[in-house]
Amino acid sequence: MVGVLFSCYEQAGRPSLAAIEEWIGAHPGLPGTASKETIRRMLLGLAVPLTWDMADTVYLALCGMAGRDPDEPVDDRRDGPAGLSRQEAFHRYWQAAVAVS
């Protein structure tokens, strides 16, 4: 999960935590919220949100900042199994991470 999230973060140009938090606040249609500290801990692999809404919100924010469509099919094996959308693949990684935490 962390690898996919960090890859998206890098593609977004490594925005500051404040910029990510602001992006989330400016898009009220997202499923949840996340603080700078939560985002930092997720990017470092120190925390896995227990709710999908929070994990999805951070992922969607980074996709938006990177200009990536989360509904596009996975085109790189590092992003997940072929045949899934990027968001579906990220959801599977999140489920696996929650199961072991």
PDB file of N, CA and C in Angstrom:
ATOM      1  N   MET A   1       0.815  -1.177   0.000  1.00  0.00           N
ATOM      2  CA  MET A   1       0.000   0.000   0.000  1.00  0.00           C
ATOM      3  C   MET A   1       0.868   1.254   0.000  1.00  0.00           C
ATOM      4  N   VAL A   2       1.889   1.257   0.830  1.00  0.00           N
ATOM      5  CA  VAL A   2       2.747   2.433   0.943  1.00  0.00           C
ATOM      6  C   VAL A   2       3.457   2.724  -0.367  1.00  0.00           C
ATOM      7  N   GLY A   3       3.909   1.678  -1.047  1.00  0.00           N
ATOM      8  CA  GLY A   3       4.614   1.871  -2.310  1.00  0.00           C
ATOM      9  C   GLY A   3       3.737   2.551  -3.360  1.00  0.00           C
ATOM     10  N   VAL A   4       2.500   2.116  -3.467  1.00  0.00           N
ATOM     11  CA  VAL A   4       1.576   2.714  -4.435  1.00  0.00           C
ATOM     12  C   VAL A   4       1.272   4.155  -4.040  1.00  0.00           C
ATOM     13  N   LEU A   5       1.021   4.375  -2.759  1.00  0.00           N
ATOM     14  CA  LEU A   5       0.713   5.721  -2.279  1.00  0.00           C
ATOM     15  C   LEU A   5       1.899   6.659  -2.506  1.00  0.00           C
ATOM     16  N   PHE A   6       3.098   6.195  -2.196  1.00  0.00           N
ATOM     17  CA  PHE A   6       4.280   7.044  -2.342  1.00  0.00           C
ATOM     18  C   PHE A   6       4.589   7.316  -3.812  1.00  0.00           C
ATOM     19  N   SER A   7       4.345   6.336  -4.668  1.00  0.00           N
ATOM     20  CA  SER A   7       4.537   6.539  -6.107  1.00  0.00           C
ATOM     21  C   SER A   7       3.622   7.659  -6.609  1.00  0.00           C
ATOM     22  N   CYS A   8       2.400   7.645  -6.160  1.00  0.00           N
ATOM     23  CA  CYS A   8       1.443   8.687  -6.555  1.00  0.00           C
ATOM     24  C   CYS A   8       1.890  10.041  -5.987  1.00  0.00           C
ATOM     25  N   TYR A   9       2.397  10.037  -4.767  1.00  0.00           N
ATOM     26  CA  TYR A   9       2.921  11.255  -4.125  1.00  0.00           C
ATOM     27  C   TYR A   9       4.077  11.835  -4.956  1.00  0.00           C
ATOM     28  N   GLU A  10       4.974  10.977  -5.400  1.00  0.00           N
ATOM     29  CA  GLU A  10       6.092  11.439  -6.231  1.00  0.00           C
ATOM     30  C   GLU A  10       5.601  11.983  -7.566  1.00  0.00           C
ATOM     31  N   GLN A  11       4.627  11.323  -8.182  1.00  0.00           N
ATOM     32  CA  GLN A  11       4.081  11.799  -9.447  1.00  0.00           C
ATOM     33  C   GLN A  11       3.373  13.146  -9.283  1.00  0.00           C
ATOM     34  N   ALA A  12       2.903  13.417  -8.076  1.00  0.00           N
ATOM     35  CA  ALA A  12       2.253  14.703  -7.785  1.00  0.00           C
ATOM     36  C   ALA A  12       3.285  15.800  -7.526  1.00  0.00           C
ATOM     37  N   GLY A  13       4.568  15.452  -7.570  1.00  0.00           N
ATOM     38  CA  GLY A  13       5.622  16.434  -7.360  1.00  0.00           C
ATOM     39  C   GLY A  13       6.011  16.622  -5.911  1.00  0.00           C
ATOM     40  N   ARG A  14       5.749  15.602  -5.079  1.00  0.00           N
ATOM     41  CA  ARG A  14       6.071  15.642  -3.649  1.00  0.00           C
ATOM     42  C   ARG A  14       5.502  16.886  -2.972  1.00  0.00           C
ATOM     43  N   PRO A  15       4.192  17.075  -3.050  1.00  0.00           N
ATOM     44  CA  PRO A  15       3.591  18.258  -2.433  1.00  0.00           C
ATOM     45  C   PRO A  15       3.752  18.228  -0.913  1.00  0.00           C
ATOM     46  N   SER A  16       3.723  19.388  -0.308  1.00  0.00           N
ATOM     47  CA  SER A  16       3.821  19.454   1.149  1.00  0.00           C
ATOM     48  C   SER A  16       2.578  18.830   1.775  1.00  0.00           C
ATOM     49  N   LEU A  17       2.711  18.429   3.019  1.00  0.00           N
ATOM     50  CA  LEU A  17       1.567  17.870   3.734  1.00  0.00           C
ATOM     51  C   LEU A  17       0.444  18.891   3.831  1.00  0.00           C
ATOM     52  N   ALA A  18       0.820  20.148   4.025  1.00  0.00           N
ATOM     53  CA  ALA A  18      -0.184  21.215   4.091  1.00  0.00           C
ATOM     54  C   ALA A  18      -0.930  21.341   2.764  1.00  0.00           C
ATOM     55  N   ALA A  19      -0.208  21.209   1.649  1.00  0.00           N
ATOM     56  CA  ALA A  19      -0.848  21.307   0.330  1.00  0.00           C
ATOM     57  C   ALA A  19      -1.828  20.154   0.120  1.00  0.00           C
ATOM     58  N   ILE A  20      -1.461  18.968   0.564  1.00  0.00           N
ATOM     59  CA  ILE A  20      -2.353  17.813   0.419  1.00  0.00           C
ATOM     60  C   ILE A  20      -3.603  18.020   1.285  1.00  0.00           C
ATOM     61  N   GLU A  21      -3.393  18.449   2.517  1.00  0.00           N
ATOM     62  CA  GLU A  21      -4.512  18.706   3.421  1.00  0.00           C
ATOM     63  C   GLU A  21      -5.437  19.784   2.842  1.00  0.00           C
ATOM     64  N   GLU A  22      -4.855  20.824   2.270  1.00  0.00           N
ATOM     65  CA  GLU A  22      -5.653  21.894   1.656  1.00  0.00           C
ATOM     66  C   GLU A  22      -6.418  21.368   0.445  1.00  0.00           C
ATOM     67  N   TRP A  23      -5.792  20.528  -0.365  1.00  0.00           N
ATOM     68  CA  TRP A  23      -6.452  19.962  -1.536  1.00  0.00           C
ATOM     69  C   TRP A  23      -7.671  19.158  -1.099  1.00  0.00           C
ATOM     70  N   ILE A  24      -7.501  18.378  -0.043  1.00  0.00           N
ATOM     71  CA  ILE A  24      -8.615  17.580   0.483  1.00  0.00           C
ATOM     72  C   ILE A  24      -9.745  18.506   0.947  1.00  0.00           C
ATOM     73  N   GLY A  25      -9.393  19.559   1.669  1.00  0.00           N
ATOM     74  CA  GLY A  25     -10.397  20.506   2.154  1.00  0.00           C
ATOM     75  C   GLY A  25     -11.135  21.226   1.041  1.00  0.00           C
ATOM     76  N   ALA A  26     -10.467  21.407  -0.095  1.00  0.00           N
ATOM     77  CA  ALA A  26     -11.071  22.114  -1.229  1.00  0.00           C
ATOM     78  C   ALA A  26     -11.944  21.211  -2.099  1.00  0.00           C
ATOM     79  N   HIS A  27     -11.996  19.925  -1.771  1.00  0.00           N
ATOM     80  CA  HIS A  27     -12.781  18.963  -2.558  1.00  0.00           C
ATOM     81  C   HIS A  27     -13.759  18.238  -1.628  1.00  0.00           C
ATOM     82  N   PRO A  28     -14.872  18.883  -1.313  1.00  0.00           N
ATOM     83  CA  PRO A  28     -15.811  18.322  -0.340  1.00  0.00           C
ATOM     84  C   PRO A  28     -16.480  17.015  -0.772  1.00  0.00           C
ATOM     85  N   GLY A  29     -16.358  16.614  -2.021  1.00  0.00           N
ATOM     86  CA  GLY A  29     -16.967  15.373  -2.472  1.00  0.00           C
ATOM     87  C   GLY A  29     -16.173  14.120  -2.112  1.00  0.00           C
ATOM     88  N   LEU A  30     -15.011  14.295  -1.506  1.00  0.00           N
ATOM     89  CA  LEU A  30     -14.198  13.141  -1.125  1.00  0.00           C
ATOM     90  C   LEU A  30     -14.883  12.373   0.005  1.00  0.00           C
ATOM     91  N   PRO A  31     -14.599  11.080   0.125  1.00  0.00           N
ATOM     92  CA  PRO A  31     -15.308  10.264   1.110  1.00  0.00           C
ATOM     93  C   PRO A  31     -14.954  10.536   2.569  1.00  0.00           C
ATOM     94  N   GLY A  32     -13.848  11.209   2.829  1.00  0.00           N
ATOM     95  CA  GLY A  32     -13.434  11.445   4.210  1.00  0.00           C
ATOM     96  C   GLY A  32     -12.507  12.635   4.320  1.00  0.00           C
ATOM     97  N   THR A  33     -11.764  12.684   5.401  1.00  0.00           N
ATOM     98  CA  THR A  33     -10.782  13.732   5.634  1.00  0.00           C
ATOM     99  C   THR A  33      -9.507  13.081   6.151  1.00  0.00           C
ATOM    100  N   ALA A  34      -8.442  13.870   6.204  1.00  0.00           N
ATOM    101  CA  ALA A  34      -7.177  13.388   6.763  1.00  0.00           C
ATOM    102  C   ALA A  34      -6.342  14.595   7.168  1.00  0.00           C
ATOM    103  N   SER A  35      -5.733  14.498   8.325  1.00  0.00           N
ATOM    104  CA  SER A  35      -4.866  15.574   8.814  1.00  0.00           C
ATOM    105  C   SER A  35      -3.468  15.417   8.229  1.00  0.00           C
ATOM    106  N   LYS A  36      -2.675  16.467   8.359  1.00  0.00           N
ATOM    107  CA  LYS A  36      -1.281  16.409   7.892  1.00  0.00           C
ATOM    108  C   LYS A  36      -0.547  15.257   8.568  1.00  0.00           C
ATOM    109  N   GLU A  37      -0.795  15.054   9.856  1.00  0.00           N
ATOM    110  CA  GLU A  37      -0.105  13.993  10.588  1.00  0.00           C
ATOM    111  C   GLU A  37      -0.499  12.610  10.060  1.00  0.00           C
ATOM    112  N   THR A  38      -1.756  12.425   9.783  1.00  0.00           N
ATOM    113  CA  THR A  38      -2.208  11.147   9.231  1.00  0.00           C
ATOM    114  C   THR A  38      -1.575  10.911   7.867  1.00  0.00           C
ATOM    115  N   ILE A  39      -1.564  11.933   7.042  1.00  0.00           N
ATOM    116  CA  ILE A  39      -0.957  11.812   5.709  1.00  0.00           C
ATOM    117  C   ILE A  39       0.527  11.473   5.839  1.00  0.00           C
ATOM    118  N   ARG A  40       1.223  12.150   6.729  1.00  0.00           N
ATOM    119  CA  ARG A  40       2.655  11.900   6.945  1.00  0.00           C
ATOM    120  C   ARG A  40       2.891  10.457   7.360  1.00  0.00           C
ATOM    121  N   ARG A  41       2.107   9.988   8.320  1.00  0.00           N
ATOM    122  CA  ARG A  41       2.271   8.624   8.821  1.00  0.00           C
ATOM    123  C   ARG A  41       1.952   7.589   7.731  1.00  0.00           C
ATOM    124  N   MET A  42       0.971   7.883   6.902  1.00  0.00           N
ATOM    125  CA  MET A  42       0.640   6.970   5.804  1.00  0.00           C
ATOM    126  C   MET A  42       1.782   6.902   4.793  1.00  0.00           C
ATOM    127  N   LEU A  43       2.323   8.052   4.417  1.00  0.00           N
ATOM    128  CA  LEU A  43       3.397   8.080   3.419  1.00  0.00           C
ATOM    129  C   LEU A  43       4.669   7.408   3.923  1.00  0.00           C
ATOM    130  N   LEU A  44       4.892   7.452   5.224  1.00  0.00           N
ATOM    131  CA  LEU A  44       6.072   6.813   5.798  1.00  0.00           C
ATOM    132  C   LEU A  44       5.849   5.336   6.127  1.00  0.00           C
ATOM    133  N   GLY A  45       4.611   4.885   5.985  1.00  0.00           N
ATOM    134  CA  GLY A  45       4.299   3.500   6.317  1.00  0.00           C
ATOM    135  C   GLY A  45       4.184   3.251   7.794  1.00  0.00           C
ATOM    136  N   LEU A  46       3.976   4.305   8.572  1.00  0.00           N
ATOM    137  CA  LEU A  46       3.852   4.172  10.018  1.00  0.00           C
ATOM    138  C   LEU A  46       2.423   3.904  10.471  1.00  0.00           C
ATOM    139  N   ALA A  47       1.455   4.154   9.593  1.00  0.00           N
ATOM    140  CA  ALA A  47       0.057   3.958   9.954  1.00  0.00           C
ATOM    141  C   ALA A  47      -0.743   3.538   8.733  1.00  0.00           C
ATOM    142  N   VAL A  48      -1.694   2.671   8.987  1.00  0.00           N
ATOM    143  CA  VAL A  48      -2.676   2.280   7.981  1.00  0.00           C
ATOM    144  C   VAL A  48      -4.029   2.692   8.545  1.00  0.00           C
ATOM    145  N   PRO A  49      -4.728   3.593   7.870  1.00  0.00           N
ATOM    146  CA  PRO A  49      -6.035   3.992   8.380  1.00  0.00           C
ATOM    147  C   PRO A  49      -6.959   2.781   8.502  1.00  0.00           C
ATOM    148  N   LEU A  50      -7.689   2.712   9.590  1.00  0.00           N
ATOM    149  CA  LEU A  50      -8.590   1.594   9.784  1.00  0.00           C
ATOM    150  C   LEU A  50      -9.873   1.737   8.974  1.00  0.00           C
ATOM    151  N   THR A  51     -10.126   2.933   8.471  1.00  0.00           N
ATOM    152  CA  THR A  51     -11.302   3.128   7.631  1.00  0.00           C
ATOM    153  C   THR A  51     -10.865   3.355   6.190  1.00  0.00           C
ATOM    154  N   TRP A  52     -11.598   2.733   5.271  1.00  0.00           N
ATOM    155  CA  TRP A  52     -11.309   2.885   3.860  1.00  0.00           C
ATOM    156  C   TRP A  52     -11.497   4.325   3.423  1.00  0.00           C
ATOM    157  N   ASP A  53     -12.493   5.010   3.979  1.00  0.00           N
ATOM    158  CA  ASP A  53     -12.756   6.397   3.577  1.00  0.00           C
ATOM    159  C   ASP A  53     -11.520   7.279   3.732  1.00  0.00           C
ATOM    160  N   MET A  54     -10.802   7.134   4.838  1.00  0.00           N
ATOM    161  CA  MET A  54      -9.620   7.961   5.057  1.00  0.00           C
ATOM    162  C   MET A  54      -8.502   7.588   4.086  1.00  0.00           C
ATOM    163  N   ALA A  55      -8.244   6.300   3.925  1.00  0.00           N
ATOM    164  CA  ALA A  55      -7.196   5.860   2.999  1.00  0.00           C
ATOM    165  C   ALA A  55      -7.531   6.292   1.575  1.00  0.00           C
ATOM    166  N   ASP A  56      -8.786   6.109   1.190  1.00  0.00           N
ATOM    167  CA  ASP A  56      -9.233   6.470  -0.152  1.00  0.00           C
ATOM    168  C   ASP A  56      -9.115   7.970  -0.383  1.00  0.00           C
ATOM    169  N   THR A  57      -9.443   8.763   0.617  1.00  0.00           N
ATOM    170  CA  THR A  57      -9.362  10.224   0.488  1.00  0.00           C
ATOM    171  C   THR A  57      -7.938  10.666   0.183  1.00  0.00           C
ATOM    172  N   VAL A  58      -6.983  10.136   0.913  1.00  0.00           N
ATOM    173  CA  VAL A  58      -5.583  10.513   0.685  1.00  0.00           C
ATOM    174  C   VAL A  58      -5.147  10.048  -0.702  1.00  0.00           C
ATOM    175  N   TYR A  59      -5.524   8.830  -1.079  1.00  0.00           N
ATOM    176  CA  TYR A  59      -5.159   8.317  -2.397  1.00  0.00           C
ATOM    177  C   TYR A  59      -5.775   9.174  -3.502  1.00  0.00           C
ATOM    178  N   LEU A  60      -7.057   9.489  -3.374  1.00  0.00           N
ATOM    179  CA  LEU A  60      -7.727  10.298  -4.395  1.00  0.00           C
ATOM    180  C   LEU A  60      -7.132  11.704  -4.477  1.00  0.00           C
ATOM    181  N   ALA A  61      -6.748  12.260  -3.334  1.00  0.00           N
ATOM    182  CA  ALA A  61      -6.119  13.582  -3.339  1.00  0.00           C
ATOM    183  C   ALA A  61      -4.804  13.537  -4.101  1.00  0.00           C
ATOM    184  N   LEU A  62      -3.986  12.531  -3.826  1.00  0.00           N
ATOM    185  CA  LEU A  62      -2.700  12.421  -4.523  1.00  0.00           C
ATOM    186  C   LEU A  62      -2.899  12.142  -6.006  1.00  0.00           C
ATOM    187  N   CYS A  63      -3.888  11.334  -6.339  1.00  0.00           N
ATOM    188  CA  CYS A  63      -4.200  11.103  -7.762  1.00  0.00           C
ATOM    189  C   CYS A  63      -4.584  12.421  -8.423  1.00  0.00           C
ATOM    190  N   GLY A  64      -5.435  13.181  -7.758  1.00  0.00           N
ATOM    191  CA  GLY A  64      -5.862  14.466  -8.311  1.00  0.00           C
ATOM    192  C   GLY A  64      -4.696  15.416  -8.491  1.00  0.00           C
ATOM    193  N   MET A  65      -3.813  15.464  -7.518  1.00  0.00           N
ATOM    194  CA  MET A  65      -2.662  16.354  -7.586  1.00  0.00           C
ATOM    195  C   MET A  65      -1.660  15.899  -8.652  1.00  0.00           C
ATOM    196  N   ALA A  66      -1.647  14.579  -8.926  1.00  0.00           N
ATOM    197  CA  ALA A  66      -0.725  14.024  -9.924  1.00  0.00           C
ATOM    198  C   ALA A  66      -1.334  13.995 -11.323  1.00  0.00           C
ATOM    199  N   GLY A  67      -2.608  14.321 -11.428  1.00  0.00           N
ATOM    200  CA  GLY A  67      -3.270  14.239 -12.725  1.00  0.00           C
ATOM    201  C   GLY A  67      -3.528  12.807 -13.165  1.00  0.00           C
ATOM    202  N   ARG A  68      -3.647  11.900 -12.202  1.00  0.00           N
ATOM    203  CA  ARG A  68      -3.915  10.484 -12.481  1.00  0.00           C
ATOM    204  C   ARG A  68      -5.394  10.200 -12.322  1.00  0.00           C
ATOM    205  N   ASP A  69      -5.966   9.441 -13.215  1.00  0.00           N
ATOM    206  CA  ASP A  69      -7.359   9.030 -13.118  1.00  0.00           C
ATOM    207  C   ASP A  69      -7.412   7.721 -12.326  1.00  0.00           C
ATOM    208  N   PRO A  70      -7.999   7.735 -11.127  1.00  0.00           N
ATOM    209  CA  PRO A  70      -8.033   6.505 -10.328  1.00  0.00           C
ATOM    210  C   PRO A  70      -8.897   5.407 -10.934  1.00  0.00           C
ATOM    211  N   ASP A  71      -9.757   5.762 -11.895  1.00  0.00           N
ATOM    212  CA  ASP A  71     -10.623   4.767 -12.534  1.00  0.00           C
ATOM    213  C   ASP A  71      -9.971   4.093 -13.739  1.00  0.00           C
ATOM    214  N   GLU A  72      -8.803   4.581 -14.160  1.00  0.00           N
ATOM    215  CA  GLU A  72      -8.094   3.959 -15.285  1.00  0.00           C
ATOM    216  C   GLU A  72      -7.604   2.580 -14.885  1.00  0.00           C
ATOM    217  N   PRO A  73      -7.534   1.677 -15.845  1.00  0.00           N
ATOM    218  CA  PRO A  73      -6.981   0.354 -15.551  1.00  0.00           C
ATOM    219  C   PRO A  73      -5.502   0.468 -15.160  1.00  0.00           C
ATOM    220  N   VAL A  74      -5.086  -0.446 -14.323  1.00  0.00           N
ATOM    221  CA  VAL A  74      -3.681  -0.509 -13.914  1.00  0.00           C
ATOM    222  C   VAL A  74      -2.837  -0.724 -15.171  1.00  0.00           C
ATOM    223  N   ASP A  75      -1.813   0.100 -15.335  1.00  0.00           N
ATOM    224  CA  ASP A  75      -0.949  -0.048 -16.509  1.00  0.00           C
ATOM    225  C   ASP A  75       0.484  -0.376 -16.127  1.00  0.00           C
ATOM    226  N   ASP A  76       0.736  -0.512 -14.853  1.00  0.00           N
ATOM    227  CA  ASP A  76       2.076  -0.829 -14.365  1.00  0.00           C
ATOM    228  C   ASP A  76       1.910  -1.874 -13.264  1.00  0.00           C
ATOM    229  N   ARG A  77       2.563  -2.982 -13.382  1.00  0.00           N
ATOM    230  CA  ARG A  77       2.406  -4.070 -12.404  1.00  0.00           C
ATOM    231  C   ARG A  77       2.665  -3.620 -10.975  1.00  0.00           C
ATOM    232  N   ARG A  78       3.463  -2.569 -10.796  1.00  0.00           N
ATOM    233  CA  ARG A  78       3.743  -2.084  -9.438  1.00  0.00           C
ATOM    234  C   ARG A  78       2.499  -1.467  -8.812  1.00  0.00           C
ATOM    235  N   ASP A  79       1.537  -1.028  -9.655  1.00  0.00           N
ATOM    236  CA  ASP A  79       0.309  -0.420  -9.148  1.00  0.00           C
ATOM    237  C   ASP A  79      -0.755  -1.448  -8.798  1.00  0.00           C
ATOM    238  N   GLY A  80      -0.573  -2.687  -9.214  1.00  0.00           N
ATOM    239  CA  GLY A  80      -1.542  -3.723  -8.884  1.00  0.00           C
ATOM    240  C   GLY A  80      -1.779  -4.678 -10.023  1.00  0.00           C
ATOM    241  N   PRO A  81      -2.662  -5.648  -9.786  1.00  0.00           N
ATOM    242  CA  PRO A  81      -2.948  -6.658 -10.804  1.00  0.00           C
ATOM    243  C   PRO A  81      -3.670  -6.071 -12.011  1.00  0.00           C
ATOM    244  N   ALA A  82      -3.358  -6.589 -13.177  1.00  0.00           N
ATOM    245  CA  ALA A  82      -4.024  -6.153 -14.401  1.00  0.00           C
ATOM    246  C   ALA A  82      -5.512  -6.467 -14.308  1.00  0.00           C
ATOM    247  N   GLY A  83      -6.314  -5.655 -14.968  1.00  0.00           N
ATOM    248  CA  GLY A  83      -7.750  -5.867 -14.977  1.00  0.00           C
ATOM    249  C   GLY A  83      -8.501  -5.080 -13.915  1.00  0.00           C
ATOM    250  N   LEU A  84      -7.758  -4.441 -13.018  1.00  0.00           N
ATOM    251  CA  LEU A  84      -8.374  -3.614 -11.981  1.00  0.00           C
ATOM    252  C   LEU A  84      -8.122  -2.146 -12.284  1.00  0.00           C
ATOM    253  N   SER A  85      -8.987  -1.295 -11.764  1.00  0.00           N
ATOM    254  CA  SER A  85      -8.691   0.132 -11.835  1.00  0.00           C
ATOM    255  C   SER A  85      -7.621   0.425 -10.791  1.00  0.00           C
ATOM    256  N   ARG A  86      -6.977   1.552 -10.929  1.00  0.00           N
ATOM    257  CA  ARG A  86      -5.956   1.941  -9.944  1.00  0.00           C
ATOM    258  C   ARG A  86      -6.558   1.989  -8.538  1.00  0.00           C
ATOM    259  N   GLN A  87      -7.762   2.541  -8.435  1.00  0.00           N
ATOM    260  CA  GLN A  87      -8.407   2.663  -7.120  1.00  0.00           C
ATOM    261  C   GLN A  87      -8.755   1.282  -6.551  1.00  0.00           C
ATOM    262  N   GLU A  88      -9.226   0.375  -7.404  1.00  0.00           N
ATOM    263  CA  GLU A  88      -9.533  -0.986  -6.939  1.00  0.00           C
ATOM    264  C   GLU A  88      -8.270  -1.690  -6.457  1.00  0.00           C
ATOM    265  N   ALA A  89      -7.181  -1.500  -7.192  1.00  0.00           N
ATOM    266  CA  ALA A  89      -5.913  -2.110  -6.788  1.00  0.00           C
ATOM    267  C   ALA A  89      -5.451  -1.530  -5.450  1.00  0.00           C
ATOM    268  N   PHE A  90      -5.551  -0.208  -5.298  1.00  0.00           N
ATOM    269  CA  PHE A  90      -5.169   0.413  -4.027  1.00  0.00           C
ATOM    270  C   PHE A  90      -6.048  -0.120  -2.905  1.00  0.00           C
ATOM    271  N   HIS A  91      -7.332  -0.330  -3.161  1.00  0.00           N
ATOM    272  CA  HIS A  91      -8.243  -0.874  -2.149  1.00  0.00           C
ATOM    273  C   HIS A  91      -7.790  -2.260  -1.706  1.00  0.00           C
ATOM    274  N   ARG A  92      -7.360  -3.077  -2.654  1.00  0.00           N
ATOM    275  CA  ARG A  92      -6.861  -4.416  -2.298  1.00  0.00           C
ATOM    276  C   ARG A  92      -5.617  -4.327  -1.431  1.00  0.00           C
ATOM    277  N   TYR A  93      -4.708  -3.425  -1.777  1.00  0.00           N
ATOM    278  CA  TYR A  93      -3.503  -3.247  -0.951  1.00  0.00           C
ATOM    279  C   TYR A  93      -3.878  -2.767   0.444  1.00  0.00           C
ATOM    280  N   TRP A  94      -4.834  -1.852   0.529  1.00  0.00           N
ATOM    281  CA  TRP A  94      -5.280  -1.362   1.846  1.00  0.00           C
ATOM    282  C   TRP A  94      -5.884  -2.507   2.660  1.00  0.00           C
ATOM    283  N   GLN A  95      -6.739  -3.329   2.027  1.00  0.00           N
ATOM    284  CA  GLN A  95      -7.343  -4.458   2.739  1.00  0.00           C
ATOM    285  C   GLN A  95      -6.273  -5.400   3.294  1.00  0.00           C
ATOM    286  N   ALA A  96      -5.259  -5.662   2.496  1.00  0.00           N
ATOM    287  CA  ALA A  96      -4.180  -6.549   2.951  1.00  0.00           C
ATOM    288  C   ALA A  96      -3.411  -5.911   4.105  1.00  0.00           C
ATOM    289  N   ALA A  97      -3.165  -4.611   4.029  1.00  0.00           N
ATOM    290  CA  ALA A  97      -2.435  -3.919   5.096  1.00  0.00           C
ATOM    291  C   ALA A  97      -3.230  -3.889   6.389  1.00  0.00           C
ATOM    292  N   VAL A  98      -4.525  -3.687   6.301  1.00  0.00           N
ATOM    293  CA  VAL A  98      -5.379  -3.674   7.505  1.00  0.00           C
ATOM    294  C   VAL A  98      -5.432  -5.057   8.125  1.00  0.00           C
ATOM    295  N   ALA A  99      -5.427  -6.087   7.298  1.00  0.00           N
ATOM    296  CA  ALA A  99      -5.522  -7.452   7.795  1.00  0.00           C
ATOM    297  C   ALA A  99      -4.305  -7.854   8.637  1.00  0.00           C
ATOM    298  N   VAL A 100      -3.149  -7.277   8.355  1.00  0.00           N
ATOM    299  CA  VAL A 100      -1.943  -7.640   9.103  1.00  0.00           C
ATOM    300  C   VAL A 100      -1.628  -6.663  10.222  1.00  0.00           C
ATOM    301  N   SER A 101      -2.352  -5.546  10.289  1.00  0.00           N
ATOM    302  CA  SER A 101      -2.020  -4.576  11.348  1.00  0.00           C
ATOM    303  C   SER A 101      -2.814  -4.826  12.604  1.00  0.00           C
TER     304      SER A 101
END
